């Protein structure tokens, strides 16, 4: 593996995960700000590593593997932390949808790659919008407190539900693209 700037940013995002967990549980009044800042840093590195890999032509096999893993890990960990802090069905549902979809689509992409059809389930515009809404929602929910008169928690929950809706929509699109291959090899 070559230590390029994009790869370093991706590894940094993974390394931030245990720090995020520890800071989330610290018993200080500033932990919500620090947790939000750490998650924000991770979200920014997600954007920058892809941008820099394209701009500097530093694509790598390692980066192609670890980048989506790092994204899914930090989102899943943030959702688990938030569900633990908000153990209500209305919070658990979008978190379960988002995490469940990520597992299902990761498995689908892996299988499609094995049969040489990875392009059928490439990342779509809907996926990018979903990721953006999800990141903003998680930032607002990790902050936990109203920001002046802005209801961060309420807006965060609405955005989380929108992200979960787009998550389901993009999953349907991916499954629809893969469906002929999923059922095509079955013998009656």
C-alpha atoms as a PDB file:
ATOM      1  CA  UNK A   1       0.000   0.000   0.000  1.00  0.00           C
ATOM      2  CA  UNK A   2       1.195   3.456  -0.888  1.00  0.00           C
ATOM      3  CA  UNK A   3       0.698   6.186   1.726  1.00  0.00           C
ATOM      4  CA  UNK A   4      -1.017   8.830  -0.364  1.00  0.00           C
ATOM      5  CA  UNK A   5      -2.881  11.791   1.100  1.00  0.00           C
ATOM      6  CA  UNK A   6      -6.285  10.239   0.249  1.00  0.00           C
ATOM      7  CA  UNK A   7      -5.287   6.946   1.921  1.00  0.00           C
ATOM      8  CA  UNK A   8      -4.021   8.773   5.010  1.00  0.00           C
ATOM      9  CA  UNK A   9      -7.338  10.654   5.265  1.00  0.00           C
ATOM     10  CA  UNK A  10      -9.276   7.391   4.975  1.00  0.00           C
ATOM     11  CA  UNK A  11      -7.168   5.716   7.680  1.00  0.00           C
ATOM     12  CA  UNK A  12      -7.631   8.832   9.842  1.00  0.00           C
ATOM     13  CA  UNK A  13     -11.413   8.458   9.483  1.00  0.00           C
ATOM     14  CA  UNK A  14     -11.216   4.881  10.771  1.00  0.00           C
ATOM     15  CA  UNK A  15      -8.905   5.957  13.604  1.00  0.00           C
ATOM     16  CA  UNK A  16     -11.425   8.626  14.651  1.00  0.00           C
ATOM     17  CA  UNK A  17     -14.084   5.985  15.408  1.00  0.00           C
ATOM     18  CA  UNK A  18     -12.838   4.882  18.863  1.00  0.00           C
ATOM     19  CA  UNK A  19     -12.069   8.510  19.728  1.00  0.00           C
ATOM     20  CA  UNK A  20     -15.648   9.447  18.778  1.00  0.00           C
ATOM     21  CA  UNK A  21     -17.021   6.708  21.058  1.00  0.00           C
ATOM     22  CA  UNK A  22     -14.863   7.706  24.035  1.00  0.00           C
ATOM     23  CA  UNK A  23     -15.659  11.419  23.679  1.00  0.00           C
ATOM     24  CA  UNK A  24     -19.402  10.690  23.307  1.00  0.00           C
ATOM     25  CA  UNK A  25     -19.428   9.086  26.768  1.00  0.00           C
ATOM     26  CA  UNK A  26     -17.240  11.603  28.604  1.00  0.00           C
ATOM     27  CA  UNK A  27     -19.105  13.239  31.500  1.00  0.00           C
ATOM     28  CA  UNK A  28     -18.410  16.837  30.511  1.00  0.00           C
ATOM     29  CA  UNK A  29     -20.797  19.514  29.237  1.00  0.00           C
ATOM     30  CA  UNK A  30     -18.692  20.087  26.094  1.00  0.00           C
ATOM     31  CA  UNK A  31     -18.732  16.481  24.864  1.00  0.00           C
ATOM     32  CA  UNK A  32     -21.591  17.092  22.410  1.00  0.00           C
ATOM     33  CA  UNK A  33     -19.552  19.831  20.735  1.00  0.00           C
ATOM     34  CA  UNK A  34     -16.423  17.665  20.621  1.00  0.00           C
ATOM     35  CA  UNK A  35     -18.346  14.635  19.324  1.00  0.00           C
ATOM     36  CA  UNK A  36     -19.947  16.759  16.620  1.00  0.00           C
ATOM     37  CA  UNK A  37     -16.555  18.216  15.671  1.00  0.00           C
ATOM     38  CA  UNK A  38     -14.996  14.740  15.425  1.00  0.00           C
ATOM     39  CA  UNK A  39     -17.853  13.453  13.270  1.00  0.00           C
ATOM     40  CA  UNK A  40     -17.647  16.624  11.160  1.00  0.00           C
ATOM     41  CA  UNK A  41     -13.917  16.062  10.684  1.00  0.00           C
ATOM     42  CA  UNK A  42     -14.629  12.495   9.572  1.00  0.00           C
ATOM     43  CA  UNK A  43     -17.305  13.706   7.125  1.00  0.00           C
ATOM     44  CA  UNK A  44     -14.919  16.287   5.683  1.00  0.00           C
ATOM     45  CA  UNK A  45     -12.162  13.692   5.247  1.00  0.00           C
ATOM     46  CA  UNK A  46     -14.686  11.541   3.377  1.00  0.00           C
ATOM     47  CA  UNK A  47     -15.236  14.308   0.857  1.00  0.00           C
ATOM     48  CA  UNK A  48     -11.561  15.329   0.670  1.00  0.00           C
ATOM     49  CA  UNK A  49     -10.099  11.863   0.206  1.00  0.00           C
ATOM     50  CA  UNK A  50     -12.262  11.246  -2.859  1.00  0.00           C
ATOM     51  CA  UNK A  51     -11.649  14.732  -4.233  1.00  0.00           C
ATOM     52  CA  UNK A  52      -7.882  14.484  -3.734  1.00  0.00           C
ATOM     53  CA  UNK A  53      -7.697  10.962  -5.152  1.00  0.00           C
ATOM     54  CA  UNK A  54      -9.314  12.261  -8.361  1.00  0.00           C
ATOM     55  CA  UNK A  55      -7.471  15.582  -8.449  1.00  0.00           C
ATOM     56  CA  UNK A  56      -4.008  14.152  -7.681  1.00  0.00           C
ATOM     57  CA  UNK A  57      -4.687  10.942  -9.630  1.00  0.00           C
ATOM     58  CA  UNK A  58      -3.910   8.925  -6.504  1.00  0.00           C
ATOM     59  CA  UNK A  59      -6.502   6.188  -6.840  1.00  0.00           C
ATOM     60  CA  UNK A  60      -5.480   2.966  -5.134  1.00  0.00           C
ATOM     61  CA  UNK A  61      -6.874  -0.484  -4.531  1.00  0.00           C
ATOM     62  CA  UNK A  62      -6.461   0.093  -0.789  1.00  0.00           C
ATOM     63  CA  UNK A  63      -8.419   3.356  -0.956  1.00  0.00           C
ATOM     64  CA  UNK A  64     -11.142   1.834  -3.122  1.00  0.00           C
ATOM     65  CA  UNK A  65     -11.572  -0.888  -0.493  1.00  0.00           C
ATOM     66  CA  UNK A  66     -11.221   1.118   2.733  1.00  0.00           C
ATOM     67  CA  UNK A  67     -13.065   4.329   1.815  1.00  0.00           C
ATOM     68  CA  UNK A  68     -16.586   2.844   1.678  1.00  0.00           C
ATOM     69  CA  UNK A  69     -15.823   0.671   4.713  1.00  0.00           C
ATOM     70  CA  UNK A  70     -14.702   3.728   6.708  1.00  0.00           C
ATOM     71  CA  UNK A  71     -17.857   5.617   5.699  1.00  0.00           C
ATOM     72  CA  UNK A  72     -20.166   2.811   6.729  1.00  0.00           C
ATOM     73  CA  UNK A  73     -18.325   2.191  10.003  1.00  0.00           C
ATOM     74  CA  UNK A  74     -18.411   5.777  11.229  1.00  0.00           C
ATOM     75  CA  UNK A  75     -22.078   6.185  10.257  1.00  0.00           C
ATOM     76  CA  UNK A  76     -23.048   2.884  11.903  1.00  0.00           C
ATOM     77  CA  UNK A  77     -21.139   3.741  15.092  1.00  0.00           C
ATOM     78  CA  UNK A  78     -22.727   7.214  15.248  1.00  0.00           C
ATOM     79  CA  UNK A  79     -26.184   5.676  14.758  1.00  0.00           C
ATOM     80  CA  UNK A  80     -25.586   3.065  17.474  1.00  0.00           C
ATOM     81  CA  UNK A  81     -24.421   5.773  19.898  1.00  0.00           C
ATOM     82  CA  UNK A  82     -27.475   7.883  19.117  1.00  0.00           C
ATOM     83  CA  UNK A  83     -29.880   4.933  19.456  1.00  0.00           C
ATOM     84  CA  UNK A  84     -28.357   4.099  22.826  1.00  0.00           C
ATOM     85  CA  UNK A  85     -28.878   7.725  23.898  1.00  0.00           C
ATOM     86  CA  UNK A  86     -32.419   7.797  22.389  1.00  0.00           C
ATOM     87  CA  UNK A  87     -33.903   4.313  22.867  1.00  0.00           C
ATOM     88  CA  UNK A  88     -37.247   5.047  21.253  1.00  0.00           C
ATOM     89  CA  UNK A  89     -38.862   3.137  18.385  1.00  0.00           C
ATOM     90  CA  UNK A  90     -39.122   6.304  16.292  1.00  0.00           C
ATOM     91  CA  UNK A  91     -35.339   6.682  16.505  1.00  0.00           C
ATOM     92  CA  UNK A  92     -34.461   3.011  16.141  1.00  0.00           C
ATOM     93  CA  UNK A  93     -36.438   2.556  12.895  1.00  0.00           C
ATOM     94  CA  UNK A  94     -34.442   4.926  10.645  1.00  0.00           C
ATOM     95  CA  UNK A  95     -31.171   3.768  12.232  1.00  0.00           C
ATOM     96  CA  UNK A  96     -32.031   0.108  11.595  1.00  0.00           C
ATOM     97  CA  UNK A  97     -33.090   0.899   8.020  1.00  0.00           C
ATOM     98  CA  UNK A  98     -29.837   2.734   7.297  1.00  0.00           C
ATOM     99  CA  UNK A  99     -27.564   0.113   8.880  1.00  0.00           C
ATOM    100  CA  UNK A 100     -29.534  -2.794   7.396  1.00  0.00           C
ATOM    101  CA  UNK A 101     -29.436  -1.288   3.912  1.00  0.00           C
ATOM    102  CA  UNK A 102     -25.683  -0.736   4.139  1.00  0.00           C
ATOM    103  CA  UNK A 103     -25.140  -4.383   5.049  1.00  0.00           C
ATOM    104  CA  UNK A 104     -27.468  -5.614   2.285  1.00  0.00           C
ATOM    105  CA  UNK A 105     -26.005  -3.386  -0.433  1.00  0.00           C
ATOM    106  CA  UNK A 106     -22.424  -4.155   0.628  1.00  0.00           C
ATOM    107  CA  UNK A 107     -23.202  -7.861   0.285  1.00  0.00           C
ATOM    108  CA  UNK A 108     -24.901  -7.250  -3.064  1.00  0.00           C
ATOM    109  CA  UNK A 109     -21.924  -5.257  -4.371  1.00  0.00           C
ATOM    110  CA  UNK A 110     -19.508  -7.948  -3.218  1.00  0.00           C
ATOM    111  CA  UNK A 111     -21.542 -10.650  -4.964  1.00  0.00           C
ATOM    112  CA  UNK A 112     -21.905  -8.545  -8.120  1.00  0.00           C
ATOM    113  CA  UNK A 113     -18.139  -7.968  -8.176  1.00  0.00           C
ATOM    114  CA  UNK A 114     -17.566 -11.725  -7.873  1.00  0.00           C
ATOM    115  CA  UNK A 115     -19.632 -12.350 -10.984  1.00  0.00           C
ATOM    116  CA  UNK A 116     -18.085  -9.403 -12.858  1.00  0.00           C
ATOM    117  CA  UNK A 117     -21.152  -7.157 -12.763  1.00  0.00           C
ATOM    118  CA  UNK A 118     -20.027  -4.533 -10.202  1.00  0.00           C
ATOM    119  CA  UNK A 119     -20.963  -1.640 -12.523  1.00  0.00           C
ATOM    120  CA  UNK A 120     -24.627  -2.644 -12.238  1.00  0.00           C
ATOM    121  CA  UNK A 121     -24.638  -1.404  -8.618  1.00  0.00           C
ATOM    122  CA  UNK A 122     -22.331   1.610  -8.800  1.00  0.00           C
ATOM    123  CA  UNK A 123     -22.968   4.567  -6.489  1.00  0.00           C
ATOM    124  CA  UNK A 124     -25.801   6.746  -7.793  1.00  0.00           C
ATOM    125  CA  UNK A 125     -26.755  10.398  -7.385  1.00  0.00           C
ATOM    126  CA  UNK A 126     -29.490   9.305  -4.963  1.00  0.00           C
ATOM    127  CA  UNK A 127     -26.799   7.605  -2.872  1.00  0.00           C
ATOM    128  CA  UNK A 128     -24.771  10.808  -2.742  1.00  0.00           C
ATOM    129  CA  UNK A 129     -27.804  12.876  -1.709  1.00  0.00           C
ATOM    130  CA  UNK A 130     -28.672  10.226   0.896  1.00  0.00           C
ATOM    131  CA  UNK A 131     -25.141  10.370   2.285  1.00  0.00           C
ATOM    132  CA  UNK A 132     -25.222  14.175   2.470  1.00  0.00           C
ATOM    133  CA  UNK A 133     -28.588  14.206   4.303  1.00  0.00           C
ATOM    134  CA  UNK A 134     -27.399  11.420   6.587  1.00  0.00           C
ATOM    135  CA  UNK A 135     -24.193  13.270   7.511  1.00  0.00           C
ATOM    136  CA  UNK A 136     -26.047  16.526   8.216  1.00  0.00           C
ATOM    137  CA  UNK A 137     -28.657  14.641  10.273  1.00  0.00           C
ATOM    138  CA  UNK A 138     -25.978  12.907  12.320  1.00  0.00           C
ATOM    139  CA  UNK A 139     -24.106  16.164  12.913  1.00  0.00           C
ATOM    140  CA  UNK A 140     -27.295  17.801  14.194  1.00  0.00           C
ATOM    141  CA  UNK A 141     -28.245  14.803  16.344  1.00  0.00           C
ATOM    142  CA  UNK A 142     -24.758  14.449  17.833  1.00  0.00           C
ATOM    143  CA  UNK A 143     -24.815  18.132  18.758  1.00  0.00           C
ATOM    144  CA  UNK A 144     -27.940  17.368  20.844  1.00  0.00           C
ATOM    145  CA  UNK A 145     -28.658  20.964  21.930  1.00  0.00           C
ATOM    146  CA  UNK A 146     -30.655  23.719  20.228  1.00  0.00           C
ATOM    147  CA  UNK A 147     -28.382  26.131  18.394  1.00  0.00           C
ATOM    148  CA  UNK A 148     -29.843  29.518  19.307  1.00  0.00           C
ATOM    149  CA  UNK A 149     -33.453  29.110  18.183  1.00  0.00           C
ATOM    150  CA  UNK A 150     -32.624  26.353  15.665  1.00  0.00           C
ATOM    151  CA  UNK A 151     -34.065  22.988  16.811  1.00  0.00           C
ATOM    152  CA  UNK A 152     -31.083  20.781  15.888  1.00  0.00           C
ATOM    153  CA  UNK A 153     -32.616  17.588  17.279  1.00  0.00           C
ATOM    154  CA  UNK A 154     -35.970  17.995  15.522  1.00  0.00           C
ATOM    155  CA  UNK A 155     -34.374  18.923  12.189  1.00  0.00           C
ATOM    156  CA  UNK A 156     -31.849  16.097  12.636  1.00  0.00           C
ATOM    157  CA  UNK A 157     -34.637  13.555  13.114  1.00  0.00           C
ATOM    158  CA  UNK A 158     -36.512  14.820  10.040  1.00  0.00           C
ATOM    159  CA  UNK A 159     -33.315  14.620   7.968  1.00  0.00           C
ATOM    160  CA  UNK A 160     -32.592  11.150   9.364  1.00  0.00           C
ATOM    161  CA  UNK A 161     -36.024   9.973   8.179  1.00  0.00           C
ATOM    162  CA  UNK A 162     -35.440  11.585   4.771  1.00  0.00           C
ATOM    163  CA  UNK A 163     -32.063   9.832   4.581  1.00  0.00           C
ATOM    164  CA  UNK A 164     -33.712   6.535   5.559  1.00  0.00           C
ATOM    165  CA  UNK A 165     -36.328   7.050   2.816  1.00  0.00           C
ATOM    166  CA  UNK A 166     -33.598   7.717   0.239  1.00  0.00           C
ATOM    167  CA  UNK A 167     -31.748   4.710   1.635  1.00  0.00           C
ATOM    168  CA  UNK A 168     -34.719   2.479   0.847  1.00  0.00           C
ATOM    169  CA  UNK A 169     -35.227   4.113  -2.545  1.00  0.00           C
ATOM    170  CA  UNK A 170     -31.593   3.614  -3.561  1.00  0.00           C
ATOM    171  CA  UNK A 171     -31.716   0.026  -2.295  1.00  0.00           C
ATOM    172  CA  UNK A 172     -34.743  -0.656  -4.505  1.00  0.00           C
ATOM    173  CA  UNK A 173     -32.862   0.820  -7.472  1.00  0.00           C
ATOM    174  CA  UNK A 174     -29.804  -1.369  -6.761  1.00  0.00           C
ATOM    175  CA  UNK A 175     -31.933  -4.491  -6.280  1.00  0.00           C
ATOM    176  CA  UNK A 176     -33.893  -3.742  -9.440  1.00  0.00           C
ATOM    177  CA  UNK A 177     -30.629  -3.469 -11.402  1.00  0.00           C
ATOM    178  CA  UNK A 178     -29.314  -6.717  -9.903  1.00  0.00           C
ATOM    179  CA  UNK A 179     -32.611  -8.649  -9.905  1.00  0.00           C
ATOM    180  CA  UNK A 180     -32.204 -10.308 -13.318  1.00  0.00           C
ATOM    181  CA  UNK A 181     -28.821 -11.648 -12.213  1.00  0.00           C
ATOM    182  CA  UNK A 182     -30.119 -12.674  -8.796  1.00  0.00           C
ATOM    183  CA  UNK A 183     -32.914 -14.807 -10.207  1.00  0.00           C
ATOM    184  CA  UNK A 184     -31.503 -15.591 -13.677  1.00  0.00           C
ATOM    185  CA  UNK A 185     -29.380 -18.574 -12.650  1.00  0.00           C
ATOM    186  CA  UNK A 186     -32.127 -20.405 -10.782  1.00  0.00           C
ATOM    187  CA  UNK A 187     -33.300 -23.685 -12.237  1.00  0.00           C
ATOM    188  CA  UNK A 188     -37.016 -24.461 -12.079  1.00  0.00           C
END
